[in-house]
Protein backbone atom coordinates (compact mmCIF):
# COMPACT_ATOMS: atom_id res chain seq x y z
CA MET A 1 20.89 -5.13 15.08
CA ALA A 2 22.56 -2.84 17.22
CA ASN A 3 26.24 -1.83 16.99
CA LYS A 4 28.62 -3.13 18.82
CA VAL A 5 29.95 -0.97 21.90
CA GLU A 6 33.73 -0.24 22.66
CA VAL A 7 34.86 -0.77 26.20
CA LYS A 8 37.90 2.00 25.34
CA GLU A 9 35.04 4.70 24.25
CA LEU A 10 33.11 4.17 27.46
CA LEU A 11 36.46 4.50 29.47
CA ASP A 12 37.26 8.15 27.41
CA ALA A 13 33.49 8.93 28.20
CA GLY A 14 33.94 8.52 32.09
CA VAL A 15 31.16 5.80 32.09
CA HIS A 16 33.12 3.71 34.80
CA PHE A 17 33.14 6.36 37.43
CA GLY A 18 30.59 5.30 40.16
CA HIS A 19 29.78 7.03 43.74
CA LEU A 20 31.80 7.73 47.08
CA THR A 21 31.95 3.92 48.16
CA ARG A 22 29.63 5.11 51.78
CA ARG A 23 27.11 6.13 49.11
CA TRP A 24 27.04 2.71 47.34
CA ASN A 25 23.46 0.67 46.88
CA PRO A 26 24.66 -2.76 47.69
CA ASN A 27 22.57 -4.42 45.21
CA MET A 28 24.75 -2.67 42.38
CA ALA A 29 27.64 -5.00 43.73
CA PRO A 30 27.40 -7.40 40.47
CA TYR A 31 28.06 -4.47 38.54
CA ILE A 32 31.15 -2.93 40.53
CA TYR A 33 34.66 -3.96 39.48
CA MET A 34 37.04 -2.37 42.03
CA GLU A 35 37.10 0.46 44.62
CA ARG A 36 40.02 3.18 44.43
CA ASN A 37 40.31 6.48 46.20
CA GLY A 38 36.84 6.22 47.78
CA ILE A 39 35.29 6.01 44.68
CA HIS A 40 33.87 2.38 43.41
CA ILE A 41 34.67 1.63 39.80
CA ILE A 42 31.89 0.19 37.36
CA ASN A 43 33.04 -3.03 35.15
CA LEU A 44 32.77 -1.21 31.77
CA TYR A 45 32.72 -5.14 30.10
CA LYS A 46 29.07 -5.47 32.07
CA SER A 47 27.87 -2.03 30.99
CA ALA A 48 29.21 -2.65 27.22
CA ALA A 49 26.73 -5.85 27.40
CA LYS A 50 23.99 -4.10 28.86
CA MET A 51 24.07 -1.41 26.51
CA GLN A 52 23.94 -4.03 23.49
CA GLU A 53 21.05 -5.98 25.33
CA ALA A 54 19.32 -2.52 25.74
CA GLY A 55 19.89 -1.34 22.34
CA GLU A 56 18.45 -4.36 20.67
CA ALA A 57 15.31 -4.24 22.89
CA LEU A 58 15.02 -0.38 22.09
CA ALA A 59 14.98 -1.40 18.36
CA LYS A 60 12.51 -3.96 18.31
CA ILE A 61 9.91 -1.76 20.52
CA ALA A 62 10.84 1.34 17.68
CA ALA A 63 10.27 -1.03 14.89
CA SER A 64 6.80 -1.90 16.39
CA GLY A 65 5.67 1.76 15.91
CA ARG A 66 5.52 2.68 19.87
CA LYS A 67 6.95 5.55 21.36
CA ILE A 68 9.91 5.37 24.00
CA LEU A 69 9.63 8.33 26.53
CA PHE A 70 13.10 9.88 27.78
CA VAL A 71 13.09 11.34 31.06
CA ALA A 72 15.86 13.17 32.64
CA THR A 73 15.42 16.32 34.89
CA LYS A 74 18.84 16.78 36.07
CA LYS A 75 20.69 20.04 34.62
CA GLN A 76 23.67 18.30 32.94
CA ALA A 77 21.23 15.56 30.81
CA LYS A 78 18.39 17.85 29.63
CA GLU A 79 20.29 19.21 26.58
CA ILE A 80 21.69 16.21 25.71
CA VAL A 81 18.60 14.09 26.27
CA ALA A 82 16.37 16.62 24.41
CA GLU A 83 18.79 16.67 21.37
CA GLN A 84 19.00 13.11 21.34
CA ALA A 85 15.31 12.58 21.50
CA GLU A 86 14.44 15.03 19.08
CA LYS A 87 16.99 12.90 16.53
CA ALA A 88 15.21 9.86 17.13
CA ASN A 89 11.77 11.77 17.14
CA MET A 90 10.96 11.00 20.38
CA PRO A 91 9.04 12.24 23.30
CA TYR A 92 10.80 13.39 26.56
CA ILE A 93 10.66 15.12 29.55
CA THR A 94 13.19 17.57 30.66
CA GLU A 95 11.72 19.74 33.07
CA ARG A 96 9.48 18.66 36.09
CA TRP A 97 8.04 15.40 35.93
CA PRO A 98 4.01 16.37 35.73
CA GLY A 99 2.49 14.07 38.49
CA GLY A 100 0.15 11.53 36.83
CA MET A 101 2.09 11.71 33.38
CA LEU A 102 1.32 7.99 33.09
CA THR A 103 -1.07 6.99 35.44
CA ASN A 104 -3.30 9.96 34.86
CA PHE A 105 -2.60 10.06 31.16
CA VAL A 106 -5.90 11.45 30.09
CA THR A 107 -5.56 14.66 31.98
CA ILE A 108 -2.35 15.23 30.71
CA ARG A 109 -3.74 15.05 27.36
CA LYS A 110 -6.69 17.39 28.19
CA ALA A 111 -3.78 20.02 28.96
CA VAL A 112 -1.99 18.91 25.62
CA LYS A 113 -5.41 19.78 23.68
CA LYS A 114 -5.72 22.96 25.73
CA MET A 115 -2.36 24.09 23.84
CA ALA A 116 -3.52 23.01 20.73
CA SER A 117 -6.81 25.27 21.23
CA ILE A 118 -4.97 28.16 22.01
CA ASP A 119 -2.83 27.90 19.08
CA ARG A 120 -6.45 27.52 16.95
CA MET A 121 -7.56 30.54 18.34
CA LYS A 122 -4.30 32.54 17.44
CA LYS A 123 -4.96 31.45 13.69
CA ASP A 124 -8.74 31.98 13.57
CA GLY A 125 -8.66 35.65 15.16
CA THR A 126 -10.32 34.64 18.20
CA PHE A 127 -7.67 35.19 20.15
CA ASN A 128 -7.54 39.08 19.08
CA THR A 129 -11.32 39.90 20.40
CA LEU A 130 -10.19 39.23 23.88
CA SER A 131 -9.06 42.07 26.15
CA LYS A 132 -5.30 43.12 26.73
CA LYS A 133 -5.28 41.30 30.12
CA GLU A 134 -6.65 37.94 29.07
CA ARG A 135 -4.46 37.49 26.01
CA LEU A 136 -1.70 37.98 28.57
CA GLN A 137 -3.05 35.41 30.58
CA VAL A 138 -3.47 33.05 27.53
CA ASP A 139 -0.04 33.42 26.65
CA ARG A 140 1.45 33.14 30.17
CA LEU A 141 -0.45 29.44 30.11
CA ARG A 142 0.44 28.61 26.73
CA ALA A 143 4.01 29.24 27.60
CA LYS A 144 3.83 27.03 30.83
CA LEU A 145 2.18 24.45 28.90
CA GLU A 146 4.61 24.49 26.13
CA LYS A 147 7.42 24.47 28.93
CA ASN A 148 6.43 21.36 30.57
CA LEU A 149 4.51 19.48 27.82
CA GLY A 150 5.64 20.69 24.44
CA SER A 151 8.04 17.87 24.10
CA ILE A 152 4.93 15.45 24.38
CA SER A 153 2.21 16.94 22.16
CA GLU A 154 2.83 14.06 19.87
CA MET A 155 2.40 11.67 22.40
CA SER A 156 -0.97 10.26 21.88
CA ARG A 157 -1.12 6.98 23.96
CA LEU A 158 0.85 5.83 26.66
CA PRO A 159 4.74 5.10 25.38
CA GLY A 160 6.05 1.53 25.03
CA ALA A 161 8.79 2.39 27.20
CA LEU A 162 10.82 4.71 29.42
CA PHE A 163 14.54 5.71 29.21
CA VAL A 164 15.34 7.35 32.20
CA VAL A 165 18.59 8.88 33.51
CA ASP A 166 19.18 8.65 36.99
CA ILE A 167 16.36 6.62 38.38
CA THR A 168 17.04 8.09 42.27
CA ARG A 169 16.11 11.45 40.92
CA GLU A 170 13.22 10.25 38.74
CA HIS A 171 11.95 7.63 41.07
CA ILE A 172 8.13 9.13 40.92
CA ALA A 173 8.42 8.15 36.91
CA ILE A 174 9.53 4.94 37.81
CA LYS A 175 6.80 3.92 40.32
CA GLU A 176 4.42 5.01 37.42
CA ALA A 177 5.67 3.01 34.64
CA GLN A 178 5.73 -0.08 37.43
CA LYS A 179 2.04 0.49 38.08
CA LEU A 180 1.34 0.30 34.20
CA ASN A 181 4.00 -2.90 33.60
CA ILE A 182 5.69 -0.36 31.28
CA PRO A 183 9.56 -1.82 30.50
CA ILE A 184 12.29 0.85 31.85
CA PHE A 185 15.09 1.32 30.33
CA ALA A 186 17.91 3.36 32.58
CA MET A 187 21.35 4.30 33.56
CA VAL A 188 21.91 3.20 36.96
CA ASP A 189 24.55 4.61 38.96
CA THR A 190 26.42 2.86 42.20
CA ASN A 191 24.19 4.78 44.25
CA SER A 192 20.81 3.29 42.69
CA ASP A 193 18.79 0.07 43.03
CA PRO A 194 18.97 -1.99 39.69
CA ARG A 195 16.07 -4.07 40.92
CA GLU A 196 13.67 -1.25 39.90
CA VAL A 197 14.16 -1.60 36.29
CA GLU A 198 13.79 -4.41 33.62
CA TYR A 199 17.19 -2.91 31.32
CA VAL A 200 19.96 -2.02 33.81
CA ILE A 201 22.94 -0.03 32.28
CA PRO A 202 25.30 0.53 34.86
CA SER A 203 27.05 3.67 33.97
CA ASN A 204 28.07 7.32 35.64
CA ASP A 205 24.54 9.26 35.21
CA ASP A 206 26.28 12.48 36.70
CA ALA A 207 28.88 13.28 34.07
CA SER A 208 27.40 14.74 30.73
CA LYS A 209 29.94 13.12 28.67
CA SER A 210 28.99 9.60 30.01
CA ILE A 211 25.34 10.74 29.56
CA ASN A 212 25.79 11.56 26.14
CA LYS A 213 27.61 8.54 25.36
CA VAL A 214 24.65 6.33 26.50
CA VAL A 215 21.59 8.46 25.47
CA SER A 216 23.23 8.83 21.70
CA TYR A 217 23.62 4.85 21.61
CA ALA A 218 20.01 4.60 22.36
CA ALA A 219 19.10 7.08 20.12
CA ASP A 220 21.01 5.27 17.35
CA ALA A 221 19.11 1.90 18.14
CA ILE A 222 16.04 3.76 18.07
CA VAL A 223 16.48 5.11 14.59
CA GLU A 224 17.88 1.97 13.26
CA GLY A 225 14.76 0.26 14.37
CA LEU A 226 12.49 2.98 12.58
CA SER A 227 14.55 2.32 9.42
CA GLU A 228 13.66 -1.30 9.51
CA ARG A 229 9.78 -0.36 10.17
CA LYS A 230 10.04 2.04 7.17
CA ALA A 231 11.99 -0.50 5.06
CA SER A 232 9.43 -3.37 5.66
CA LYS A 233 6.25 -1.05 4.71
CA ASP A 234 7.65 -0.10 1.70
CA THR A 235 8.21 -3.53 1.10
CA LYS A 236 4.71 -4.56 1.61
CA LYS A 237 3.38 -1.74 0.04
CA ALA A 238 5.78 -2.41 -3.36
CA GLU A 239 4.29 -6.45 -2.92
CA LYS A 240 0.84 -5.12 -2.82
CA GLU A 241 0.86 -3.01 -5.70
CA GLU A 242 2.90 -5.97 -7.78
CA LYS A 243 -0.23 -7.98 -6.72
CA GLU A 244 -2.92 -5.66 -7.90
CA VAL A 245 -1.27 -5.03 -11.22
CA LYS A 246 -1.44 -9.30 -11.69
CA GLU A 247 -5.00 -9.29 -10.89
CA GLU A 248 -5.87 -6.21 -13.40
CA LYS A 249 -3.36 -8.00 -16.19
CA ALA A 250 -5.33 -11.11 -15.33
CA ALA A 251 -8.65 -9.46 -15.92
CA LYS A 252 -8.10 -8.32 -19.07
CA GLU A 253 -6.71 -11.47 -20.75
CA PRO A 254 -9.00 -13.60 -23.25
CA LYS A 255 -11.62 -16.16 -21.80
CA ALA A 256 -10.24 -18.95 -23.69
CA LYS A 257 -7.03 -18.11 -21.94
CA VAL A 258 -8.61 -18.06 -18.59
CA ALA A 259 -10.36 -21.25 -19.30
CA LYS A 260 -7.30 -23.17 -19.52
CA THR A 261 -5.78 -21.60 -16.45
CA GLU A 262 -8.70 -23.52 -14.42
CA ASP A 263 -7.96 -26.75 -16.28
CA VAL A 264 -10.83 -26.77 -18.70
CA GLU A 265 -10.27 -28.33 -22.23
CA VAL A 266 -10.46 -26.34 -25.08
CA PRO A 267 -10.30 -28.34 -28.48
CA SER A 268 -7.40 -27.11 -30.71
CA LYS A 269 -7.34 -26.65 -34.26
CA ASP A 270 -4.73 -29.03 -35.12
CA ALA A 271 -6.70 -31.41 -33.34
CA GLU A 272 -9.98 -30.81 -35.39
CA ASP A 273 -7.63 -31.19 -38.36
CA LYS A 274 -6.61 -34.63 -37.32
CA LYS A 275 -9.94 -36.03 -36.84
CA ALA A 276 -11.54 -34.91 -40.04
CA MET A 277 -8.55 -36.49 -41.66
CA LYS A 278 -9.22 -39.58 -39.75
CA GLU A 279 -12.73 -39.57 -41.29
CA ALA A 280 -11.96 -38.98 -44.51
CA GLN A 281 -9.46 -41.67 -44.88
CA GLU A 282 -12.20 -44.02 -43.53
CA GLU A 283 -14.40 -43.12 -46.21
CA VAL A 284 -11.87 -43.84 -48.66
CA LYS A 285 -11.09 -47.54 -47.32
CA LEU A 286 -15.30 -48.20 -47.55
CA GLU A 287 -15.49 -47.09 -51.02
CA ASN A 288 -12.45 -49.45 -51.99
CA LYS A 289 -13.96 -52.16 -50.14
CA GLN A 290 -17.33 -51.67 -51.97
CA GLU A 291 -15.64 -51.47 -55.51
CA THR A 292 -13.53 -54.74 -54.85
CA LEU A 293 -16.76 -56.64 -53.92
CA ASP A 294 -18.48 -55.40 -56.92
CA LYS A 295 -16.01 -56.05 -59.16
CA ALA A 296 -16.26 -59.82 -57.60
CA LYS A 297 -19.78 -60.11 -58.05
CA SER A 298 -19.23 -58.69 -61.71
CA SER A 299 -16.91 -61.85 -62.76
CA ASN A 300 -18.88 -64.41 -61.15
CA GLU A 301 -21.93 -63.52 -63.13
CA GLU A 302 -20.11 -63.46 -66.26
CA GLU A 303 -19.06 -66.96 -65.64
């Protein structure tokens, strides 16, 4: 379960500051607390509740083994998002959004593979056989690909969700995710339309302190989900090993014992002894009876 969000911490980080009242989006009205000095103030109690809800959902997605793609190309968010995404071991985009990143994912994967093939060329010595001009061109291409796509090189399939800072700026990413029905988590300021995303976190998406507070909370929730996934895998592995040990032990047990477990009656030694004793007693009785009859017959003859 995601950690509880403290409203005081959000207040200290400046999460409550919105945009100028003249730049607001009317659809954000439910999340606005008041207006002060021409600036809208966001209701932090609603922000805290939405963060909690988003954190639990992110943890579930991470626990299922799917990736969450972080998107933030604005200057004040780049470093924060890159750091937190790396901490959570998730892909991120902090440079220009590559058009068709999601809707044309196959082409993007080809570009990533091209980067990997250049690395192989450098390892096996093929790169050194090129002319100086060709080597320079290849290096420039590699640097460009690394800058734009290096952070998603490990993302082999479409992400399970998007986490976006400033949906107005990242509108192309939002549209692509909507086409593919990929759930969107986002920091939504008072100038944006919250209807564009499934998990709205009403917050200041311009101040670095505010961005750091919300993104770090999301990253911690993802890390928690990954820990649950690892613990679940370890438990299953232990159960499997225990089952294998039991099966191996059962295979080595004597056949008589195995037969007993299958509800087949096996005569015991005590039962055999009792049966023999009973037969011996019957024989003694018959002998005594015969002896008595013989005595009676002989006495009759004498008379």
